[in-house]
Amino acid sequence: MLFLNLNFDMAKLYTKCDEIPLYKFIEAYDGNLKALVISGKASEEELRLTFSRIMDEYNQIIKNKNLQFAVSKRSLIINYYTKISIISAILNFIKLGEIDKIFDLLAIVDIKNVNIETVADAEKLINKIESSLAYIRLRLKMAQEQLDKTSQINRRVDFTKERMILSAHFKMRIDDKTYTAAEYANLVRLMLNEIEEVKKYGK
C-alpha cells in the first residue's frame, strides 16, 4: 500500500505484531496511535491504517470470530482512501492543464469513455468526478461507522486483567516491555485452546 504522504517526513513505524512491544500495542489499542511511531512523523490516516493491519494480524493469531467482517470492512476503507487520493490527483492535473495524465487514473476510479475537446467537456468531467468523490466519501463514512460499531462491541479488552489471567494460567510473569504483541497473542490462543480441550475431555 502506497501512502501519499506529502506533508510529513518519512516515518518508521511498527507494522507487524512480531515487531511491536506489547506495551506499545496496548497504547495504540487504547487510542494513542502515536505509539506506532519509531521515528519521524506520520499522518493520522497512515497510523490508523497501519494499526488496522496490526489488529487484523493479531485477530488472526487469536482466531477472533469477527475477523472476516473486520478485514473486509478495513479492506474496503483502504480502497476508498486510495480512490480519494487518486481523484485528488486527477483534479490537480486538470487544474494544471495536464489532461494527458488523467485517463489511466480515471479508469481506476471507474470513470470511463471520457472525451475532452472543449472547456464544457472539462467542466462536465469535473462535475462527474466531484459527484463520484462525494459518493465515495459517503460510502467511506458508512463503512467506518459499521467497523466502529463492531469494534466497540467486540474489541474492548482489559489487558491488565487478561495478563493476570494468563500469568496465573501459565504460572509466569508476562512483561509487556519484553513480549511482542505476537508472542502475547499466541499465549492467549494457547490458553483458549487448552480451556477448550478441558471443556471437551475434562482434566
N, C-alpha and C. Protein backbone atom coordinates (compact mmCIF):
# COMPACT_ATOMS: atom_id res chain seq x y z
N MET A 1 0.85 -1.21 0.00
CA MET A 1 0.00 0.00 0.00
C MET A 1 0.88 1.24 0.00
N LEU A 2 0.67 2.13 -0.96
CA LEU A 2 1.46 3.35 -1.06
C LEU A 2 0.69 4.50 -0.45
N PHE A 3 1.27 5.16 0.54
CA PHE A 3 0.63 6.30 1.18
C PHE A 3 1.14 7.57 0.53
N LEU A 4 0.22 8.45 0.14
CA LEU A 4 0.59 9.75 -0.39
C LEU A 4 0.84 10.67 0.79
N ASN A 5 2.06 10.71 1.25
CA ASN A 5 2.41 11.40 2.49
C ASN A 5 3.25 12.61 2.17
N LEU A 6 2.60 13.68 1.71
CA LEU A 6 3.32 14.85 1.21
C LEU A 6 3.66 15.85 2.30
N ASN A 7 2.94 15.81 3.41
CA ASN A 7 3.10 16.84 4.43
C ASN A 7 3.87 16.36 5.65
N PHE A 8 4.40 15.12 5.58
CA PHE A 8 5.07 14.57 6.75
C PHE A 8 6.41 13.98 6.32
N ASP A 9 7.38 14.02 7.22
CA ASP A 9 8.64 13.37 6.99
C ASP A 9 8.41 11.86 6.91
N MET A 10 9.32 11.17 6.22
CA MET A 10 9.20 9.72 6.13
C MET A 10 9.26 9.13 7.54
N ALA A 11 8.24 8.35 7.87
CA ALA A 11 8.16 7.80 9.22
C ALA A 11 8.53 6.33 9.22
N LYS A 12 9.16 5.90 10.31
CA LYS A 12 9.41 4.48 10.54
C LYS A 12 8.42 4.04 11.60
N LEU A 13 7.60 3.03 11.24
CA LEU A 13 6.51 2.60 12.12
C LEU A 13 6.62 1.12 12.47
N TYR A 14 6.04 0.76 13.60
CA TYR A 14 5.77 -0.65 13.87
C TYR A 14 4.64 -1.08 12.94
N THR A 15 4.83 -2.13 12.18
CA THR A 15 3.81 -2.55 11.21
C THR A 15 3.36 -4.00 11.40
N LYS A 16 4.05 -4.76 12.26
CA LYS A 16 3.71 -6.17 12.45
C LYS A 16 3.66 -6.52 13.93
N CYS A 17 2.89 -7.55 14.23
CA CYS A 17 2.74 -7.98 15.62
C CYS A 17 4.04 -8.50 16.21
N ASP A 18 4.91 -9.08 15.37
CA ASP A 18 6.16 -9.60 15.92
C ASP A 18 7.23 -8.53 16.04
N GLU A 19 6.89 -7.29 15.70
CA GLU A 19 7.80 -6.16 15.86
C GLU A 19 7.44 -5.29 17.07
N ILE A 20 6.16 -5.09 17.26
CA ILE A 20 5.71 -4.09 18.24
C ILE A 20 5.70 -4.67 19.66
N PRO A 21 6.36 -3.98 20.60
CA PRO A 21 6.29 -4.43 22.01
C PRO A 21 4.85 -4.40 22.49
N LEU A 22 4.53 -5.30 23.40
CA LEU A 22 3.16 -5.39 23.88
C LEU A 22 2.66 -4.07 24.46
N TYR A 23 3.50 -3.37 25.22
CA TYR A 23 3.02 -2.13 25.85
C TYR A 23 2.70 -1.06 24.81
N LYS A 24 3.46 -1.06 23.71
CA LYS A 24 3.17 -0.11 22.62
C LYS A 24 1.86 -0.49 21.92
N PHE A 25 1.66 -1.78 21.73
CA PHE A 25 0.43 -2.28 21.12
C PHE A 25 -0.78 -1.88 21.96
N ILE A 26 -0.66 -2.03 23.27
CA ILE A 26 -1.77 -1.69 24.16
C ILE A 26 -2.06 -0.19 24.12
N GLU A 27 -1.00 0.62 24.08
CA GLU A 27 -1.19 2.08 23.96
C GLU A 27 -1.96 2.43 22.70
N ALA A 28 -1.56 1.83 21.58
CA ALA A 28 -2.25 2.09 20.31
C ALA A 28 -3.69 1.60 20.36
N TYR A 29 -3.88 0.44 20.94
CA TYR A 29 -5.21 -0.16 21.10
C TYR A 29 -6.12 0.77 21.90
N ASP A 30 -5.56 1.43 22.90
CA ASP A 30 -6.34 2.34 23.75
C ASP A 30 -6.49 3.73 23.14
N GLY A 31 -6.00 3.94 21.93
CA GLY A 31 -6.27 5.18 21.22
C GLY A 31 -5.07 6.05 20.92
N ASN A 32 -3.92 5.75 21.50
CA ASN A 32 -2.72 6.56 21.24
C ASN A 32 -1.95 5.96 20.07
N LEU A 33 -2.37 6.29 18.85
CA LEU A 33 -1.76 5.69 17.67
C LEU A 33 -0.32 6.15 17.45
N LYS A 34 0.09 7.23 18.13
CA LYS A 34 1.48 7.67 18.01
C LYS A 34 2.44 6.66 18.61
N ALA A 35 1.92 5.71 19.38
CA ALA A 35 2.76 4.65 19.93
C ALA A 35 3.33 3.77 18.81
N LEU A 36 2.75 3.85 17.63
CA LEU A 36 3.25 3.06 16.50
C LEU A 36 4.51 3.66 15.89
N VAL A 37 4.78 4.92 16.20
CA VAL A 37 5.89 5.64 15.56
C VAL A 37 7.21 5.29 16.25
N ILE A 38 8.16 4.81 15.44
CA ILE A 38 9.52 4.56 15.92
C ILE A 38 10.36 5.83 15.75
N SER A 39 10.21 6.45 14.57
CA SER A 39 10.91 7.71 14.30
C SER A 39 10.18 8.44 13.18
N GLY A 40 10.40 9.77 13.10
CA GLY A 40 9.74 10.57 12.07
C GLY A 40 8.32 10.93 12.44
N LYS A 41 7.56 11.39 11.45
CA LYS A 41 6.17 11.77 11.65
C LYS A 41 5.29 11.07 10.62
N ALA A 42 4.08 10.72 11.04
CA ALA A 42 3.13 10.06 10.15
C ALA A 42 1.77 10.72 10.27
N SER A 43 1.01 10.67 9.19
CA SER A 43 -0.33 11.25 9.21
C SER A 43 -1.27 10.37 10.02
N GLU A 44 -2.36 10.94 10.46
CA GLU A 44 -3.37 10.20 11.22
C GLU A 44 -3.91 9.05 10.38
N GLU A 45 -4.10 9.30 9.09
CA GLU A 45 -4.61 8.25 8.19
C GLU A 45 -3.64 7.08 8.12
N GLU A 46 -2.35 7.38 7.97
CA GLU A 46 -1.35 6.32 7.87
C GLU A 46 -1.29 5.49 9.16
N LEU A 47 -1.37 6.19 10.30
CA LEU A 47 -1.34 5.49 11.58
C LEU A 47 -2.56 4.60 11.75
N ARG A 48 -3.73 5.14 11.38
CA ARG A 48 -4.97 4.38 11.53
C ARG A 48 -4.95 3.12 10.66
N LEU A 49 -4.52 3.25 9.41
CA LEU A 49 -4.50 2.09 8.52
C LEU A 49 -3.43 1.08 8.94
N THR A 50 -2.30 1.58 9.43
CA THR A 50 -1.24 0.67 9.91
C THR A 50 -1.74 -0.14 11.09
N PHE A 51 -2.42 0.52 12.04
CA PHE A 51 -2.91 -0.21 13.20
C PHE A 51 -4.03 -1.18 12.82
N SER A 52 -4.81 -0.83 11.82
CA SER A 52 -5.85 -1.75 11.35
C SER A 52 -5.22 -3.05 10.88
N ARG A 53 -4.10 -2.96 10.18
CA ARG A 53 -3.41 -4.16 9.70
C ARG A 53 -2.82 -4.96 10.87
N ILE A 54 -2.27 -4.24 11.84
CA ILE A 54 -1.73 -4.93 13.02
C ILE A 54 -2.85 -5.67 13.75
N MET A 55 -4.01 -5.01 13.89
CA MET A 55 -5.15 -5.65 14.57
C MET A 55 -5.65 -6.86 13.78
N ASP A 56 -5.63 -6.77 12.46
CA ASP A 56 -6.04 -7.92 11.64
C ASP A 56 -5.11 -9.11 11.90
N GLU A 57 -3.80 -8.82 11.95
CA GLU A 57 -2.84 -9.88 12.21
C GLU A 57 -3.04 -10.46 13.62
N TYR A 58 -3.26 -9.59 14.59
CA TYR A 58 -3.47 -10.02 15.98
C TYR A 58 -4.71 -10.92 16.07
N ASN A 59 -5.79 -10.50 15.42
CA ASN A 59 -7.02 -11.28 15.43
C ASN A 59 -6.86 -12.63 14.73
N GLN A 60 -6.03 -12.66 13.69
CA GLN A 60 -5.77 -13.93 13.02
C GLN A 60 -5.07 -14.90 13.96
N ILE A 61 -4.16 -14.39 14.76
CA ILE A 61 -3.43 -15.24 15.70
C ILE A 61 -4.37 -15.82 16.76
N ILE A 62 -5.21 -14.95 17.33
CA ILE A 62 -6.09 -15.43 18.40
C ILE A 62 -7.40 -16.03 17.87
N LYS A 63 -7.55 -15.97 16.53
CA LYS A 63 -8.73 -16.53 15.84
C LYS A 63 -10.03 -15.86 16.30
N ASN A 64 -10.04 -14.54 16.18
CA ASN A 64 -11.23 -13.76 16.50
C ASN A 64 -12.35 -14.09 15.52
N LYS A 65 -13.53 -14.42 16.03
CA LYS A 65 -14.65 -14.83 15.19
C LYS A 65 -15.17 -13.72 14.29
N ASN A 66 -14.89 -12.47 14.67
CA ASN A 66 -15.39 -11.35 13.88
C ASN A 66 -14.36 -10.84 12.88
N LEU A 67 -13.28 -11.62 12.71
CA LEU A 67 -12.19 -11.17 11.85
C LEU A 67 -12.62 -10.97 10.41
N GLN A 68 -13.37 -11.92 9.86
CA GLN A 68 -13.72 -11.85 8.45
C GLN A 68 -14.46 -10.55 8.12
N PHE A 69 -15.42 -10.18 8.99
CA PHE A 69 -16.16 -8.94 8.76
C PHE A 69 -15.23 -7.74 8.86
N ALA A 70 -14.39 -7.71 9.91
CA ALA A 70 -13.50 -6.57 10.12
C ALA A 70 -12.50 -6.42 8.99
N VAL A 71 -11.93 -7.53 8.53
CA VAL A 71 -10.95 -7.47 7.44
C VAL A 71 -11.58 -6.94 6.17
N SER A 72 -12.79 -7.43 5.85
CA SER A 72 -13.46 -6.98 4.63
C SER A 72 -13.77 -5.49 4.70
N LYS A 73 -14.20 -5.01 5.87
CA LYS A 73 -14.52 -3.60 6.01
C LYS A 73 -13.27 -2.74 5.92
N ARG A 74 -12.18 -3.20 6.57
CA ARG A 74 -10.94 -2.43 6.53
C ARG A 74 -10.37 -2.39 5.12
N SER A 75 -10.49 -3.49 4.40
CA SER A 75 -10.03 -3.53 3.01
C SER A 75 -10.82 -2.54 2.16
N LEU A 76 -12.13 -2.49 2.41
CA LEU A 76 -12.99 -1.56 1.69
C LEU A 76 -12.62 -0.12 2.02
N ILE A 77 -12.34 0.16 3.29
CA ILE A 77 -11.96 1.51 3.72
C ILE A 77 -10.66 1.94 3.06
N ILE A 78 -9.68 1.04 3.03
CA ILE A 78 -8.41 1.35 2.38
C ILE A 78 -8.62 1.65 0.90
N ASN A 79 -9.49 0.88 0.27
CA ASN A 79 -9.81 1.11 -1.15
C ASN A 79 -10.43 2.48 -1.37
N TYR A 80 -11.34 2.89 -0.46
CA TYR A 80 -11.97 4.20 -0.57
C TYR A 80 -10.93 5.32 -0.41
N TYR A 81 -10.03 5.17 0.58
CA TYR A 81 -8.98 6.18 0.78
C TYR A 81 -8.09 6.29 -0.46
N THR A 82 -7.78 5.16 -1.07
CA THR A 82 -6.95 5.15 -2.27
C THR A 82 -7.64 5.90 -3.41
N LYS A 83 -8.93 5.63 -3.59
CA LYS A 83 -9.68 6.30 -4.65
C LYS A 83 -9.77 7.81 -4.40
N ILE A 84 -9.93 8.20 -3.15
CA ILE A 84 -9.98 9.63 -2.83
C ILE A 84 -8.65 10.30 -3.19
N SER A 85 -7.54 9.64 -2.89
CA SER A 85 -6.22 10.18 -3.24
C SER A 85 -6.06 10.30 -4.75
N ILE A 86 -6.53 9.29 -5.48
CA ILE A 86 -6.43 9.31 -6.94
C ILE A 86 -7.28 10.42 -7.53
N ILE A 87 -8.49 10.58 -7.01
CA ILE A 87 -9.37 11.64 -7.51
C ILE A 87 -8.76 13.02 -7.25
N SER A 88 -8.15 13.19 -6.09
CA SER A 88 -7.48 14.47 -5.79
C SER A 88 -6.37 14.74 -6.81
N ALA A 89 -5.62 13.68 -7.17
CA ALA A 89 -4.56 13.83 -8.16
C ALA A 89 -5.14 14.20 -9.53
N ILE A 90 -6.26 13.57 -9.90
CA ILE A 90 -6.91 13.86 -11.18
C ILE A 90 -7.33 15.32 -11.25
N LEU A 91 -7.97 15.80 -10.20
CA LEU A 91 -8.42 17.19 -10.17
C LEU A 91 -7.25 18.16 -10.26
N ASN A 92 -6.13 17.82 -9.62
CA ASN A 92 -4.94 18.67 -9.71
C ASN A 92 -4.38 18.71 -11.12
N PHE A 93 -4.35 17.55 -11.79
CA PHE A 93 -3.86 17.50 -13.17
C PHE A 93 -4.75 18.34 -14.10
N ILE A 94 -6.06 18.27 -13.88
CA ILE A 94 -6.99 19.06 -14.70
C ILE A 94 -6.74 20.55 -14.50
N LYS A 95 -6.55 20.96 -13.25
CA LYS A 95 -6.29 22.37 -12.96
C LYS A 95 -4.99 22.85 -13.60
N LEU A 96 -4.01 21.94 -13.68
CA LEU A 96 -2.72 22.28 -14.28
C LEU A 96 -2.73 22.15 -15.81
N GLY A 97 -3.84 21.68 -16.35
CA GLY A 97 -3.95 21.52 -17.80
C GLY A 97 -3.24 20.29 -18.33
N GLU A 98 -2.85 19.38 -17.46
CA GLU A 98 -2.12 18.17 -17.87
C GLU A 98 -3.11 17.02 -18.08
N ILE A 99 -3.96 17.20 -19.08
CA ILE A 99 -5.07 16.29 -19.32
C ILE A 99 -4.59 14.89 -19.71
N ASP A 100 -3.45 14.82 -20.40
CA ASP A 100 -2.96 13.52 -20.88
C ASP A 100 -2.61 12.56 -19.74
N LYS A 101 -2.47 13.08 -18.52
CA LYS A 101 -2.07 12.25 -17.38
C LYS A 101 -3.25 11.64 -16.61
N ILE A 102 -4.47 12.01 -17.00
CA ILE A 102 -5.61 11.63 -16.16
C ILE A 102 -6.34 10.37 -16.60
N PHE A 103 -6.15 9.94 -17.85
CA PHE A 103 -7.02 8.89 -18.38
C PHE A 103 -6.84 7.54 -17.70
N ASP A 104 -5.60 7.14 -17.46
CA ASP A 104 -5.37 5.87 -16.75
C ASP A 104 -5.91 5.94 -15.32
N LEU A 105 -5.77 7.12 -14.69
CA LEU A 105 -6.27 7.30 -13.32
C LEU A 105 -7.78 7.25 -13.28
N LEU A 106 -8.42 7.82 -14.29
CA LEU A 106 -9.88 7.80 -14.35
C LEU A 106 -10.42 6.37 -14.38
N ALA A 107 -9.73 5.50 -15.11
CA ALA A 107 -10.18 4.11 -15.20
C ALA A 107 -10.14 3.43 -13.83
N ILE A 108 -9.16 3.79 -13.01
CA ILE A 108 -9.02 3.18 -11.68
C ILE A 108 -10.22 3.51 -10.81
N VAL A 109 -10.77 4.72 -10.98
CA VAL A 109 -11.93 5.14 -10.18
C VAL A 109 -13.24 4.96 -10.94
N ASP A 110 -13.19 4.08 -11.94
CA ASP A 110 -14.41 3.66 -12.67
C ASP A 110 -15.09 4.78 -13.44
N ILE A 111 -14.31 5.72 -13.95
CA ILE A 111 -14.84 6.77 -14.84
C ILE A 111 -14.25 6.51 -16.22
N LYS A 112 -15.10 6.07 -17.14
CA LYS A 112 -14.63 5.64 -18.46
C LYS A 112 -15.30 6.43 -19.59
N ASN A 113 -14.83 6.15 -20.80
CA ASN A 113 -15.37 6.79 -22.01
C ASN A 113 -15.36 8.31 -21.91
N VAL A 114 -14.21 8.85 -21.55
CA VAL A 114 -14.07 10.30 -21.38
C VAL A 114 -13.49 10.92 -22.64
N ASN A 115 -14.12 11.98 -23.11
CA ASN A 115 -13.64 12.70 -24.28
C ASN A 115 -13.63 14.19 -23.96
N ILE A 116 -12.45 14.78 -23.92
CA ILE A 116 -12.32 16.19 -23.57
C ILE A 116 -11.80 16.98 -24.77
N GLU A 117 -12.67 17.75 -25.36
CA GLU A 117 -12.28 18.57 -26.51
C GLU A 117 -12.54 20.05 -26.28
N THR A 118 -13.45 20.35 -25.37
CA THR A 118 -13.81 21.74 -25.11
C THR A 118 -13.78 22.01 -23.61
N VAL A 119 -13.88 23.29 -23.26
CA VAL A 119 -13.97 23.68 -21.85
C VAL A 119 -15.22 23.08 -21.21
N ALA A 120 -16.30 23.04 -21.98
CA ALA A 120 -17.55 22.46 -21.47
C ALA A 120 -17.36 20.97 -21.12
N ASP A 121 -16.60 20.28 -21.96
CA ASP A 121 -16.32 18.87 -21.70
C ASP A 121 -15.55 18.72 -20.37
N ALA A 122 -14.58 19.60 -20.17
CA ALA A 122 -13.78 19.55 -18.94
C ALA A 122 -14.64 19.84 -17.72
N GLU A 123 -15.51 20.82 -17.83
CA GLU A 123 -16.40 21.17 -16.72
C GLU A 123 -17.35 20.02 -16.40
N LYS A 124 -17.84 19.37 -17.46
CA LYS A 124 -18.74 18.23 -17.27
C LYS A 124 -18.01 17.10 -16.56
N LEU A 125 -16.74 16.89 -16.94
CA LEU A 125 -15.95 15.83 -16.30
C LEU A 125 -15.69 16.16 -14.83
N ILE A 126 -15.36 17.41 -14.55
CA ILE A 126 -15.11 17.82 -13.16
C ILE A 126 -16.34 17.58 -12.30
N ASN A 127 -17.52 17.92 -12.82
CA ASN A 127 -18.76 17.69 -12.08
C ASN A 127 -18.97 16.20 -11.80
N LYS A 128 -18.65 15.38 -12.82
CA LYS A 128 -18.80 13.94 -12.66
C LYS A 128 -17.82 13.40 -11.61
N ILE A 129 -16.59 13.91 -11.63
CA ILE A 129 -15.57 13.49 -10.68
C ILE A 129 -15.96 13.90 -9.26
N GLU A 130 -16.42 15.13 -9.11
CA GLU A 130 -16.81 15.62 -7.78
C GLU A 130 -18.00 14.84 -7.23
N SER A 131 -18.92 14.46 -8.12
CA SER A 131 -20.07 13.64 -7.71
C SER A 131 -19.59 12.27 -7.24
N SER A 132 -18.64 11.70 -7.97
CA SER A 132 -18.07 10.40 -7.59
C SER A 132 -17.34 10.51 -6.26
N LEU A 133 -16.62 11.61 -6.06
CA LEU A 133 -15.88 11.83 -4.82
C LEU A 133 -16.83 11.90 -3.63
N ALA A 134 -17.94 12.62 -3.80
CA ALA A 134 -18.93 12.75 -2.72
C ALA A 134 -19.52 11.38 -2.37
N TYR A 135 -19.78 10.57 -3.40
CA TYR A 135 -20.35 9.23 -3.17
C TYR A 135 -19.34 8.34 -2.42
N ILE A 136 -18.07 8.40 -2.84
CA ILE A 136 -17.04 7.58 -2.18
C ILE A 136 -16.87 8.00 -0.73
N ARG A 137 -16.90 9.30 -0.46
CA ARG A 137 -16.77 9.78 0.92
C ARG A 137 -17.95 9.31 1.77
N LEU A 138 -19.14 9.27 1.18
CA LEU A 138 -20.32 8.79 1.90
C LEU A 138 -20.18 7.31 2.22
N ARG A 139 -19.74 6.52 1.24
CA ARG A 139 -19.55 5.09 1.45
C ARG A 139 -18.45 4.83 2.48
N LEU A 140 -17.41 5.65 2.45
CA LEU A 140 -16.32 5.54 3.42
C LEU A 140 -16.84 5.78 4.84
N LYS A 141 -17.65 6.82 4.99
CA LYS A 141 -18.21 7.14 6.30
C LYS A 141 -19.07 6.00 6.81
N MET A 142 -19.89 5.42 5.94
CA MET A 142 -20.77 4.32 6.33
C MET A 142 -19.96 3.09 6.74
N ALA A 143 -18.92 2.78 5.95
CA ALA A 143 -18.08 1.62 6.26
C ALA A 143 -17.34 1.81 7.58
N GLN A 144 -16.84 3.03 7.81
CA GLN A 144 -16.12 3.32 9.05
C GLN A 144 -17.06 3.20 10.26
N GLU A 145 -18.30 3.69 10.11
CA GLU A 145 -19.27 3.61 11.21
C GLU A 145 -19.60 2.15 11.53
N GLN A 146 -19.75 1.32 10.48
CA GLN A 146 -20.03 -0.11 10.71
C GLN A 146 -18.88 -0.78 11.42
N LEU A 147 -17.65 -0.45 11.01
CA LEU A 147 -16.47 -1.04 11.63
C LEU A 147 -16.33 -0.58 13.07
N ASP A 148 -16.61 0.71 13.33
CA ASP A 148 -16.52 1.25 14.68
C ASP A 148 -17.51 0.56 15.62
N LYS A 149 -18.73 0.32 15.12
CA LYS A 149 -19.75 -0.35 15.94
C LYS A 149 -19.29 -1.76 16.31
N THR A 150 -18.74 -2.46 15.34
CA THR A 150 -18.24 -3.82 15.60
C THR A 150 -17.09 -3.77 16.59
N SER A 151 -16.22 -2.79 16.43
CA SER A 151 -15.06 -2.67 17.30
C SER A 151 -15.48 -2.39 18.74
N GLN A 152 -16.48 -1.52 18.91
CA GLN A 152 -16.94 -1.16 20.26
C GLN A 152 -17.52 -2.38 20.98
N ILE A 153 -18.20 -3.25 20.21
CA ILE A 153 -18.83 -4.42 20.81
C ILE A 153 -17.80 -5.50 21.13
N ASN A 154 -16.88 -5.71 20.19
CA ASN A 154 -16.02 -6.88 20.27
C ASN A 154 -14.57 -6.62 20.64
N ARG A 155 -14.10 -5.40 20.49
CA ARG A 155 -12.67 -5.18 20.58
C ARG A 155 -12.17 -4.88 21.97
N ARG A 156 -13.02 -4.32 22.84
CA ARG A 156 -12.53 -3.85 24.12
C ARG A 156 -11.99 -4.98 24.97
N VAL A 157 -10.75 -4.86 25.32
CA VAL A 157 -10.09 -5.86 26.15
C VAL A 157 -9.41 -5.15 27.31
N ASP A 158 -9.59 -5.68 28.50
CA ASP A 158 -8.86 -5.19 29.67
C ASP A 158 -7.56 -5.98 29.73
N PHE A 159 -6.50 -5.38 29.17
CA PHE A 159 -5.24 -6.12 29.06
C PHE A 159 -4.61 -6.40 30.42
N THR A 160 -4.83 -5.50 31.37
CA THR A 160 -4.28 -5.75 32.71
C THR A 160 -4.89 -7.01 33.31
N LYS A 161 -6.21 -7.10 33.23
CA LYS A 161 -6.91 -8.28 33.75
C LYS A 161 -6.53 -9.53 32.96
N GLU A 162 -6.45 -9.39 31.65
CA GLU A 162 -6.13 -10.54 30.80
C GLU A 162 -4.73 -11.05 31.08
N ARG A 163 -3.77 -10.13 31.28
CA ARG A 163 -2.39 -10.54 31.58
C ARG A 163 -2.32 -11.27 32.93
N MET A 164 -3.12 -10.83 33.89
CA MET A 164 -3.16 -11.51 35.19
C MET A 164 -3.67 -12.94 35.03
N ILE A 165 -4.69 -13.10 34.19
CA ILE A 165 -5.25 -14.43 33.96
C ILE A 165 -4.22 -15.32 33.26
N LEU A 166 -3.54 -14.76 32.25
CA LEU A 166 -2.51 -15.52 31.54
C LEU A 166 -1.36 -15.90 32.47
N SER A 167 -0.94 -14.94 33.30
CA SER A 167 0.16 -15.19 34.23
C SER A 167 -0.19 -16.32 35.19
N ALA A 168 -1.41 -16.31 35.68
CA ALA A 168 -1.86 -17.36 36.60
C ALA A 168 -1.95 -18.71 35.88
N HIS A 169 -2.44 -18.67 34.64
CA HIS A 169 -2.62 -19.91 33.88
C HIS A 169 -1.28 -20.58 33.58
N PHE A 170 -0.31 -19.76 33.11
CA PHE A 170 0.98 -20.32 32.72
C PHE A 170 2.02 -20.26 33.85
N LYS A 171 1.61 -19.69 34.99
CA LYS A 171 2.50 -19.59 36.16
C LYS A 171 3.81 -18.88 35.83
N MET A 172 3.67 -17.74 35.17
CA MET A 172 4.84 -16.92 34.86
C MET A 172 4.41 -15.47 34.67
N ARG A 173 5.35 -14.56 34.86
CA ARG A 173 5.07 -13.13 34.71
C ARG A 173 5.18 -12.74 33.24
N ILE A 174 4.21 -11.99 32.77
CA ILE A 174 4.22 -11.53 31.39
C ILE A 174 4.56 -10.05 31.37
N ASP A 175 5.78 -9.75 30.97
CA ASP A 175 6.30 -8.38 30.96
C ASP A 175 5.92 -7.71 29.64
N ASP A 176 5.12 -6.66 29.71
CA ASP A 176 4.64 -6.01 28.49
C ASP A 176 5.74 -5.27 27.74
N LYS A 177 6.92 -5.15 28.34
CA LYS A 177 8.03 -4.47 27.67
C LYS A 177 8.97 -5.45 26.97
N THR A 178 8.88 -6.72 27.31
CA THR A 178 9.74 -7.71 26.67
C THR A 178 8.97 -8.61 25.69
N TYR A 179 7.68 -8.78 25.92
CA TYR A 179 6.86 -9.56 25.00
C TYR A 179 6.41 -8.70 23.82
N THR A 180 6.37 -9.29 22.64
CA THR A 180 5.76 -8.61 21.50
C THR A 180 4.26 -8.92 21.49
N ALA A 181 3.53 -8.17 20.67
CA ALA A 181 2.09 -8.43 20.54
C ALA A 181 1.84 -9.84 19.99
N ALA A 182 2.70 -10.30 19.09
CA ALA A 182 2.54 -11.63 18.51
C ALA A 182 2.73 -12.71 19.56
N GLU A 183 3.77 -12.57 20.39
CA GLU A 183 4.02 -13.55 21.44
C GLU A 183 2.86 -13.60 22.43
N TYR A 184 2.34 -12.44 22.77
CA TYR A 184 1.22 -12.36 23.70
C TYR A 184 -0.02 -13.01 23.09
N ALA A 185 -0.30 -12.69 21.82
CA ALA A 185 -1.48 -13.25 21.15
C ALA A 185 -1.41 -14.77 21.08
N ASN A 186 -0.22 -15.29 20.84
CA ASN A 186 -0.05 -16.75 20.79
C ASN A 186 -0.31 -17.38 22.15
N LEU A 187 0.08 -16.69 23.23
CA LEU A 187 -0.23 -17.19 24.58
C LEU A 187 -1.74 -17.21 24.82
N VAL A 188 -2.42 -16.14 24.38
CA VAL A 188 -3.88 -16.08 24.52
C VAL A 188 -4.51 -17.25 23.78
N ARG A 189 -4.06 -17.47 22.53
CA ARG A 189 -4.62 -18.56 21.73
C ARG A 189 -4.34 -19.92 22.37
N LEU A 190 -3.13 -20.09 22.89
CA LEU A 190 -2.76 -21.35 23.54
C LEU A 190 -3.63 -21.61 24.76
N MET A 191 -3.84 -20.58 25.57
CA MET A 191 -4.68 -20.73 26.75
C MET A 191 -6.11 -21.08 26.37
N LEU A 192 -6.65 -20.39 25.35
CA LEU A 192 -8.01 -20.67 24.91
C LEU A 192 -8.14 -22.09 24.39
N ASN A 193 -7.11 -22.56 23.67
CA ASN A 193 -7.13 -23.93 23.16
C ASN A 193 -7.14 -24.94 24.31
N GLU A 194 -6.32 -24.66 25.33
CA GLU A 194 -6.25 -25.56 26.48
C GLU A 194 -7.58 -25.59 27.24
N ILE A 195 -8.21 -24.43 27.37
CA ILE A 195 -9.51 -24.36 28.04
C ILE A 195 -10.56 -25.15 27.26
N GLU A 196 -10.53 -25.03 25.91
CA GLU A 196 -11.47 -25.76 25.07
C GLU A 196 -11.27 -27.27 25.21
N GLU A 197 -10.00 -27.69 25.30
CA GLU A 197 -9.70 -29.11 25.46
C GLU A 197 -10.25 -29.65 26.78
N VAL A 198 -10.08 -28.84 27.83
CA VAL A 198 -10.58 -29.24 29.14
C VAL A 198 -12.11 -29.38 29.11
N LYS A 199 -12.77 -28.44 28.44
CA LYS A 199 -14.24 -28.49 28.33
C LYS A 199 -14.70 -29.74 27.59
N LYS A 200 -13.93 -30.13 26.56
CA LYS A 200 -14.32 -31.29 25.75
C LYS A 200 -14.07 -32.60 26.45
N TYR A 201 -12.88 -32.73 27.06
CA TYR A 201 -12.46 -34.02 27.55
C TYR A 201 -12.26 -34.09 29.06
N GLY A 202 -12.38 -32.95 29.72
CA GLY A 202 -12.14 -32.94 31.16
C GLY A 202 -10.66 -32.93 31.45
N LYS A 203 -10.31 -32.80 32.71
CA LYS A 203 -8.90 -32.73 33.11
C LYS A 203 -8.22 -34.09 32.92
